[in-house]
Structure formats: structure tokens, C-alpha cells
Amino acid sequence: MAHTDDATSVQPIMRITSGLWMSKTLVAAHELDLFTLLAAAPGCTVAELADALELHERPTELLVTACAGLGLLERDGEGYRNTPVADNHLVRGQPGYFGAWVDMLELHDYPGWMRLGEALRTNRPTVFDPEEKSSLFDNPDSVMMETFWDAMSAISRVTAPVLGQTVDFSGTRALLDVGGGGGGQDIELCRQYPHLRAAVFDLPSVCELTRPKIEEANLADRITLVPGDFFSTEPLPTGYDTILLSNILHDWAPPDCHRILDKCFAALAPGGALLISELLVADTKDGPLDAALMSLAMLVETFGRNYTAAEYRAWLANAGFADIRVHPFTAPGANGVVLARKA
């Protein structure tokens, strides 16, 4: 006979297993432009929405009811309207638009996650074929790559202001954002610190995708693009007093991380600073959940993982850095920054 508390104790498992339902509901509504439609015409009824979306009323009702349950829509008389979170982040053209992240997950991440068991058994990515190319960045002309960098820009845009509040950039003259494709970090940091000048160092194709974002932000006079490859034999550009690695090292296995850190050390003058902004896994490797799940995402996407602050401390010391400090914060794309200086 079942215990009387089973109905309560099984709820955490129900919440976990319904995660796919929730995410795919958001993806479907976003693909249909439901939130942009309701921003232009709040209060639409199910019948009106069905007509506008070219759907039958039954699935339309099911979709908007689920979106309301998720906190993305709310009733408005006989119809529905966006909640503030949907209005601010899921309506195309809004300054805080985050839909590119939703697009990237559907196009890029979810197919690989549906083969997670295979990734676990083979210890190989499932979002691309490692036999055909060495990384997901090997096809720069694909629609997926443009979507990917739009998503990176979106998540950087909401993470950078928190980084800028955690780290004082008032003494930074020139920032080199290594692997900074999308330019989201640099755009927001330059807005936050009017004296700051920055450079995005990334693959030539990624720089070209980043250029319009910098121009649209009216920051082309303060943010430059430096095409390059941090795995080439060429050194990183010099003349920058601070180097930023934002969500870069988690893409790579430890030997590659060591190569990147060594190149950063060589590029900095004495007294220069290196910042590593990441979702840090706890030293005890029992969370936090966002960092742990992003680390698992690296299994299906790359040959890397999310690392701990202790691992970064050891690697940085081995590369020659000193005065290594860790500052936690809360943001969608990172939960802390590791700071180190070249003595």
C-alpha cells in the first residue's frame, strides 16, 4: 500500500520531468510570434488569436492556457495579454529581447540534448559530428552560427551589467575580450563605463557577425574588432591592461584551457588583469544547478565542461598569475568572476 505522503514526495520528480514540456511550450509560442502579436493587440480572444496565428481554436486555447500557467500570459477580460516578463523579453524589437536565446536552444542545443544518453556513453558531442569537424564553429556561414552568436549577445547583454557592478573597471583603460563574439559584454561595459575602450578578439567570420551589433549600439568608435584565433601560433594582441574570458574556457578540455591562459599571460604587461566570467561549479561538485546543467550541456556541445573556482585558481597560479580572487554574483550567464593579475 502506498504511503500517504507519496503524492507530495514525488512532486520534485514531476517538476523535473515536465521541464521539457515547459521549454517546448515557450519555443512553440515564440516561433508563432504569439508574444509579439499580443504586444500589438493585447486582449485578443482565443478565436482572434487562432485566426491571426492560422491555427484551430483547440490548440490555440491549449497553448495560451499553458503560457498563462507559465507566467508568460495573463487573462485580460475575455482575452489574453503578455505579462511584463514576456513584454520585456519575448517581443521582437524590444531592448531586452531574449528570443535569440530561445531560438538557439531549439536549433542548436535541444537536438543534442535529445541524444544525451549517446553523449554519456561515447563522451563525444552530439550537436555536431566530431568526425567531420573539430568544433561547432567550423561552419561559419550556417544559419545556426548566426543564431548562436545572436544568443550569445543576448545572454551577455544581461550578464555584463552585473559583471560591471561586481568588478570595478574604472581603472581599466583598454579591455581585450578574447572570444567575445556578439560583443554583448563590451557594449554593456562601455555603456556602464564611458571612459572604457574595448576590442573583440574572435574568428574573422564571427567578427563580421559582430560588427553590425557594435554599429547599432553606436560604439564603433570605442569597440574595435580584431580577427584572430586563440589556438593559432600567433600571440594575442598586446597593449590591453585587462583581458576578459567570458564563457570561453568551459568550451574546452583542460589542456586547451591551459594554452589559452598561457597566451593571456604572455599578452599582458606586469600589473595587467585577467577576468574569467563563468557559471562556476561548486568546489564540492554538488551544484549549483545552473552551473551543473550548463556543464552537462558542454557534454553534448563540446569537449569541455564547467570548472570550479579551485580548478581556475590552480591553473592561473600554474600559468604565473598572482593575487587570484573569486567574486560571486547572480546573472543568467555567469555566477562569478575569477580575477588574477600578472605580477
Protein backbone atom coordinates (compact mmCIF):
# COMPACT_ATOMS: atom_id res chain seq x y z
CA MET A 1 0.00 0.00 0.00
CA ALA A 2 1.39 3.41 -0.97
CA HIS A 3 2.50 5.77 1.74
CA THR A 4 0.12 8.68 2.25
CA ASP A 5 2.91 11.21 1.55
CA ASP A 6 3.82 9.76 -1.86
CA ALA A 7 1.72 12.36 -3.66
CA THR A 8 3.86 15.10 -2.10
CA SER A 9 7.24 13.38 -2.20
CA VAL A 10 7.01 12.59 -5.91
CA GLN A 11 6.34 16.24 -6.86
CA PRO A 12 10.04 17.12 -7.38
CA ILE A 13 10.27 14.33 -9.95
CA MET A 14 7.13 15.59 -11.68
CA ARG A 15 8.60 19.10 -11.87
CA ILE A 16 11.81 17.78 -13.37
CA THR A 17 10.11 15.58 -15.94
CA SER A 18 7.81 18.39 -17.04
CA GLY A 19 10.76 20.63 -17.82
CA LEU A 20 10.72 19.59 -21.46
CA TRP A 21 7.01 20.37 -21.71
CA MET A 22 7.59 23.87 -20.34
CA SER A 23 10.53 24.68 -22.59
CA LYS A 24 8.84 23.39 -25.74
CA THR A 25 5.71 25.39 -24.91
CA LEU A 26 7.83 28.55 -24.82
CA VAL A 27 9.60 27.60 -28.06
CA ALA A 28 6.31 26.95 -29.88
CA ALA A 29 4.75 30.21 -28.71
CA HIS A 30 7.89 32.13 -29.63
CA GLU A 31 8.10 30.54 -33.09
CA LEU A 32 4.48 31.57 -33.71
CA ASP A 33 5.31 35.14 -32.60
CA LEU A 34 2.49 34.92 -30.07
CA PHE A 35 4.08 37.45 -27.72
CA THR A 36 4.83 40.00 -30.44
CA LEU A 37 1.26 39.63 -31.68
CA LEU A 38 -0.18 40.25 -28.22
CA ALA A 39 2.11 43.23 -27.68
CA ALA A 40 0.49 44.85 -30.71
CA ALA A 41 -3.04 43.70 -29.85
CA PRO A 42 -3.41 42.94 -26.12
CA GLY A 43 -6.67 41.35 -25.05
CA CYS A 44 -7.11 39.10 -28.09
CA THR A 45 -9.52 36.24 -27.51
CA VAL A 46 -8.70 32.63 -28.33
CA ALA A 47 -10.77 32.89 -31.52
CA GLU A 48 -8.94 36.05 -32.59
CA LEU A 49 -5.57 34.53 -31.81
CA ALA A 50 -6.44 31.36 -33.70
CA ASP A 51 -7.36 33.42 -36.73
CA ALA A 52 -4.20 35.53 -36.54
CA LEU A 53 -1.93 32.52 -36.00
CA GLU A 54 -3.75 30.41 -38.61
CA LEU A 55 -4.43 27.66 -36.08
CA HIS A 56 -7.50 25.79 -34.95
CA GLU A 57 -9.09 27.13 -31.77
CA ARG A 58 -8.44 23.96 -29.75
CA PRO A 59 -4.61 24.03 -29.98
CA THR A 60 -4.64 27.82 -29.60
CA GLU A 61 -6.58 27.54 -26.36
CA LEU A 62 -4.23 24.84 -25.09
CA LEU A 63 -1.16 26.91 -25.96
CA VAL A 64 -2.30 30.17 -24.35
CA THR A 65 -3.54 28.35 -21.26
CA ALA A 66 -0.13 26.72 -20.86
CA CYS A 67 1.63 30.05 -21.43
CA ALA A 68 -0.57 31.62 -18.76
CA GLY A 69 0.33 28.78 -16.41
CA LEU A 70 3.99 29.50 -17.09
CA GLY A 71 3.52 33.14 -16.15
CA LEU A 72 4.03 34.43 -19.69
CA LEU A 73 0.40 35.44 -20.35
CA GLU A 74 -2.47 36.61 -18.18
CA ARG A 75 -6.21 36.97 -18.70
CA ASP A 76 -7.49 40.31 -19.96
CA GLY A 77 -11.28 40.18 -19.86
CA GLU A 78 -12.26 37.51 -22.39
CA GLY A 79 -8.79 37.51 -23.89
CA TYR A 80 -5.09 37.38 -23.00
CA ARG A 81 -2.19 39.77 -22.76
CA ASN A 82 1.54 39.43 -22.11
CA THR A 83 2.89 39.54 -18.59
CA PRO A 84 5.77 42.00 -18.03
CA VAL A 85 8.42 39.30 -18.47
CA ALA A 86 7.01 38.37 -21.90
CA ASP A 87 6.56 42.02 -22.91
CA ASN A 88 10.11 42.90 -21.93
CA HIS A 89 11.98 39.85 -23.21
CA LEU A 90 9.93 37.94 -25.80
CA VAL A 91 8.61 40.73 -28.03
CA ARG A 92 10.72 41.29 -31.10
CA GLY A 93 12.28 44.73 -31.25
CA GLN A 94 12.25 45.32 -27.50
CA PRO A 95 15.59 46.45 -26.00
CA GLY A 96 15.54 43.49 -23.61
CA TYR A 97 14.60 40.94 -26.30
CA PHE A 98 15.86 37.48 -25.28
CA GLY A 99 14.22 35.44 -28.01
CA ALA A 100 17.55 34.75 -29.72
CA TRP A 101 18.44 32.52 -26.76
CA VAL A 102 15.19 30.59 -27.24
CA ASP A 103 15.94 30.23 -30.96
CA MET A 104 19.44 28.95 -30.28
CA LEU A 105 18.26 26.31 -27.83
CA GLU A 106 15.70 24.97 -30.28
CA LEU A 107 18.01 24.97 -33.30
CA HIS A 108 21.30 24.11 -31.68
CA ASP A 109 21.03 22.64 -28.18
CA TYR A 110 17.84 20.61 -28.00
CA PRO A 111 18.71 18.16 -30.81
CA GLY A 112 21.91 17.30 -28.97
CA TRP A 113 20.17 17.01 -25.61
CA MET A 114 17.73 14.51 -27.09
CA ARG A 115 20.80 12.29 -27.61
CA LEU A 116 22.23 12.83 -24.13
CA GLY A 117 22.43 9.09 -23.49
CA GLU A 118 24.63 8.71 -26.54
CA ALA A 119 26.87 11.57 -25.37
CA LEU A 120 27.20 9.91 -21.97
CA ARG A 121 28.15 6.56 -23.49
CA THR A 122 30.62 7.94 -26.05
CA ASN A 123 32.00 11.02 -24.24
CA ARG A 124 31.54 12.92 -27.50
CA PRO A 125 29.40 15.88 -28.57
CA THR A 126 26.06 15.21 -30.23
CA VAL A 127 25.25 18.66 -31.66
CA PHE A 128 27.84 18.11 -34.39
CA ASP A 129 29.78 15.19 -35.82
CA PRO A 130 33.34 15.23 -34.44
CA GLU A 131 34.43 13.01 -37.34
CA GLU A 132 33.55 15.75 -39.83
CA LYS A 133 34.71 18.84 -37.96
CA SER A 134 36.62 19.68 -34.81
CA SER A 135 34.04 22.03 -33.29
CA LEU A 136 30.65 23.60 -33.88
CA PHE A 137 32.42 26.77 -35.08
CA ASP A 138 33.73 25.13 -38.26
CA ASN A 139 30.78 26.19 -40.44
CA PRO A 140 30.75 29.99 -40.08
CA ASP A 141 28.25 30.57 -42.89
CA SER A 142 25.46 28.46 -41.42
CA VAL A 143 22.19 29.90 -40.14
CA MET A 144 22.91 28.11 -36.88
CA MET A 145 26.08 30.12 -36.36
CA GLU A 146 24.30 33.44 -36.79
CA THR A 147 21.60 32.27 -34.39
CA PHE A 148 24.25 31.07 -31.95
CA TRP A 149 26.02 34.43 -31.84
CA ASP A 150 22.76 36.33 -31.56
CA ALA A 151 22.03 34.18 -28.50
CA MET A 152 25.48 34.78 -27.03
CA SER A 153 24.96 38.50 -27.49
CA ALA A 154 21.58 38.31 -25.76
CA ILE A 155 22.84 36.47 -22.70
CA SER A 156 25.97 38.63 -22.50
CA ARG A 157 23.86 41.78 -22.61
CA VAL A 158 22.05 40.82 -19.38
CA THR A 159 25.12 39.39 -17.64
CA ALA A 160 27.64 42.16 -18.36
CA PRO A 161 25.96 44.86 -16.22
CA VAL A 162 26.21 42.58 -13.18
CA LEU A 163 29.86 41.85 -14.00
CA GLY A 164 30.40 45.60 -14.27
CA GLN A 165 28.88 46.12 -10.81
CA THR A 166 31.00 43.33 -9.31
CA VAL A 167 34.31 44.37 -10.85
CA ASP A 168 35.44 47.99 -10.82
CA PHE A 169 36.51 48.82 -14.38
CA SER A 170 37.17 52.48 -13.57
CA GLY A 171 40.91 51.81 -13.68
CA THR A 172 40.76 49.82 -16.91
CA ARG A 173 41.88 51.73 -19.97
CA ALA A 174 41.70 49.07 -22.66
CA LEU A 175 39.85 45.75 -22.47
CA LEU A 176 40.55 42.77 -24.73
CA ASP A 177 37.54 40.44 -24.89
CA VAL A 178 39.04 37.15 -26.05
CA GLY A 179 36.40 35.08 -27.82
CA GLY A 180 33.95 37.94 -27.36
CA GLY A 181 31.81 37.25 -30.42
CA GLY A 182 28.50 39.08 -30.40
CA GLY A 183 30.02 41.97 -28.48
CA GLY A 184 27.35 41.94 -25.78
CA GLN A 185 29.81 42.16 -22.90
CA ASP A 186 31.76 45.03 -24.44
CA ILE A 187 28.70 47.03 -25.46
CA GLU A 188 27.23 46.93 -21.96
CA LEU A 189 30.54 47.52 -20.16
CA CYS A 190 31.29 50.51 -22.40
CA ARG A 191 27.85 51.90 -21.63
CA GLN A 192 28.48 51.39 -17.93
CA TYR A 193 31.99 52.89 -18.05
CA PRO A 194 32.09 55.82 -20.51
CA HIS A 195 35.90 56.00 -20.49
CA LEU A 196 36.37 52.34 -21.43
CA ARG A 197 37.65 51.16 -24.80
CA ALA A 198 37.36 47.52 -25.81
CA ALA A 199 38.36 45.12 -28.55
CA VAL A 200 36.62 41.90 -29.55
CA PHE A 201 39.13 39.21 -30.50
CA ASP A 202 37.45 36.36 -32.36
CA LEU A 203 37.41 34.41 -35.61
CA PRO A 204 37.11 36.58 -38.75
CA SER A 205 33.62 35.28 -39.57
CA VAL A 206 32.46 35.96 -36.00
CA CYS A 207 33.86 39.49 -36.12
CA GLU A 208 31.79 40.16 -39.23
CA LEU A 209 28.65 38.94 -37.45
CA THR A 210 29.53 41.17 -34.50
CA ARG A 211 30.19 44.35 -36.48
CA PRO A 212 26.50 45.29 -37.03
CA LYS A 213 25.75 44.92 -33.31
CA ILE A 214 28.51 47.35 -32.39
CA GLU A 215 27.42 49.80 -35.07
CA GLU A 216 23.80 49.56 -33.98
CA ALA A 217 24.92 50.43 -30.43
CA ASN A 218 26.78 53.50 -31.81
CA LEU A 219 30.00 52.28 -30.23
CA ALA A 220 32.18 51.67 -33.28
CA ASP A 221 34.48 54.49 -32.08
CA ARG A 222 35.15 52.67 -28.79
CA ILE A 223 34.87 48.95 -29.65
CA THR A 224 37.17 47.55 -32.30
CA LEU A 225 37.24 44.12 -33.93
CA VAL A 226 40.44 42.09 -34.02
CA PRO A 227 40.15 38.94 -36.17
CA GLY A 228 42.20 36.02 -34.95
CA ASP A 229 42.28 32.54 -33.46
CA PHE A 230 43.46 31.96 -29.91
CA PHE A 231 44.63 28.48 -30.92
CA SER A 232 46.87 29.75 -33.72
CA THR A 233 50.61 30.14 -33.30
CA GLU A 234 50.18 33.92 -33.34
CA PRO A 235 50.23 35.64 -29.93
CA LEU A 236 47.24 37.55 -28.64
CA PRO A 237 47.23 41.30 -29.26
CA THR A 238 49.12 43.33 -26.68
CA GLY A 239 48.54 46.81 -25.29
CA TYR A 240 45.48 45.93 -23.21
CA ASP A 241 45.55 46.25 -19.43
CA THR A 242 42.66 43.82 -18.91
CA ILE A 243 41.72 40.60 -20.70
CA LEU A 244 38.25 39.10 -20.37
CA LEU A 245 37.39 35.44 -20.90
CA SER A 246 33.61 35.29 -20.68
CA ASN A 247 32.11 31.80 -21.05
CA ILE A 248 35.10 30.70 -23.12
CA LEU A 249 37.02 28.16 -21.07
CA HIS A 250 34.00 25.91 -20.49
CA ASP A 251 34.07 25.10 -24.22
CA TRP A 252 37.45 23.39 -23.99
CA ALA A 253 39.21 20.49 -22.28
CA PRO A 254 41.82 21.38 -19.63
CA PRO A 255 44.89 21.19 -21.94
CA ASP A 256 43.29 23.74 -24.27
CA CYS A 257 42.32 25.93 -21.31
CA HIS A 258 45.96 25.94 -20.21
CA ARG A 259 47.02 27.07 -23.71
CA ILE A 260 44.53 29.95 -23.62
CA LEU A 261 45.60 31.05 -20.14
CA ASP A 262 49.27 30.94 -21.13
CA LYS A 263 48.56 33.16 -24.13
CA CYS A 264 46.63 35.61 -21.98
CA PHE A 265 49.53 35.77 -19.51
CA ALA A 266 52.01 36.45 -22.32
CA ALA A 267 49.83 39.24 -23.77
CA LEU A 268 49.51 41.17 -20.51
CA ALA A 269 52.05 43.63 -19.17
CA PRO A 270 53.03 43.35 -15.49
CA GLY A 271 50.10 44.50 -13.38
CA GLY A 272 47.59 43.55 -16.07
CA ALA A 273 44.40 41.76 -15.05
CA LEU A 274 42.66 38.64 -16.33
CA LEU A 275 38.95 38.13 -15.68
CA ILE A 276 37.26 34.74 -16.09
CA SER A 277 33.46 35.09 -16.00
CA GLU A 278 31.67 31.74 -15.86
CA LEU A 279 28.99 29.63 -14.26
CA LEU A 280 31.32 28.16 -11.65
CA VAL A 281 30.66 24.66 -10.38
CA ALA A 282 30.99 24.38 -6.60
CA ASP A 283 34.34 23.06 -5.40
CA THR A 284 32.38 20.22 -3.78
CA LYS A 285 30.84 19.42 -7.21
CA ASP A 286 27.29 19.20 -5.91
CA GLY A 287 25.85 22.18 -7.77
CA PRO A 288 24.71 24.86 -8.17
CA LEU A 289 22.05 23.67 -10.59
CA ASP A 290 22.57 26.27 -13.34
CA ALA A 291 26.31 25.65 -13.47
CA ALA A 292 25.87 21.87 -13.30
CA LEU A 293 23.34 21.84 -16.15
CA MET A 294 25.47 24.14 -18.30
CA SER A 295 28.37 21.79 -17.65
CA LEU A 296 26.26 18.87 -18.88
CA ALA A 297 25.34 20.99 -21.91
CA MET A 298 29.05 21.08 -22.71
CA LEU A 299 28.99 17.30 -22.96
CA VAL A 300 26.57 17.46 -25.90
CA GLU A 301 28.13 20.61 -27.41
CA THR A 302 31.90 20.49 -26.86
CA PHE A 303 34.76 18.59 -25.26
CA GLY A 304 34.73 20.95 -22.25
CA ARG A 305 32.77 21.35 -19.04
CA ASN A 306 32.14 23.97 -16.38
CA TYR A 307 35.04 24.18 -13.96
CA THR A 308 35.34 25.02 -10.28
CA ALA A 309 36.91 28.09 -8.73
CA ALA A 310 39.55 25.82 -7.19
CA GLU A 311 40.48 24.49 -10.62
CA TYR A 312 40.80 28.00 -12.00
CA ARG A 313 42.92 29.07 -9.03
CA ALA A 314 45.35 26.21 -9.62
CA TRP A 315 45.52 26.78 -13.38
CA LEU A 316 46.07 30.52 -13.02
CA ALA A 317 48.82 30.04 -10.46
CA ASN A 318 50.46 27.50 -12.75
CA ALA A 319 50.34 30.00 -15.62
CA GLY A 320 52.15 32.57 -13.46
CA PHE A 321 49.25 34.72 -12.27
CA ALA A 322 49.06 36.07 -8.72
CA ASP A 323 46.55 37.83 -6.45
CA ILE A 324 43.82 35.38 -7.54
CA ARG A 325 40.37 36.22 -6.18
CA VAL A 326 36.85 34.92 -6.75
CA HIS A 327 33.79 37.18 -6.60
CA PRO A 328 30.35 35.50 -6.80
CA PHE A 329 27.35 37.21 -8.33
CA THR A 330 23.99 36.25 -9.80
CA ALA A 331 23.25 36.59 -13.51
CA PRO A 332 21.85 34.39 -16.30
CA GLY A 333 25.19 33.73 -18.00
CA ALA A 334 27.57 33.55 -15.03
CA ASN A 335 27.59 33.23 -11.26
CA GLY A 336 31.02 34.58 -10.55
CA VAL A 337 34.25 36.05 -11.82
CA VAL A 338 37.79 34.89 -11.12
CA LEU A 339 40.27 37.81 -11.08
CA ALA A 340 44.02 37.40 -11.38
CA ARG A 341 46.97 39.69 -12.06
CA LYS A 342 50.29 39.32 -13.78
CA ALA A 343 52.93 40.17 -11.18
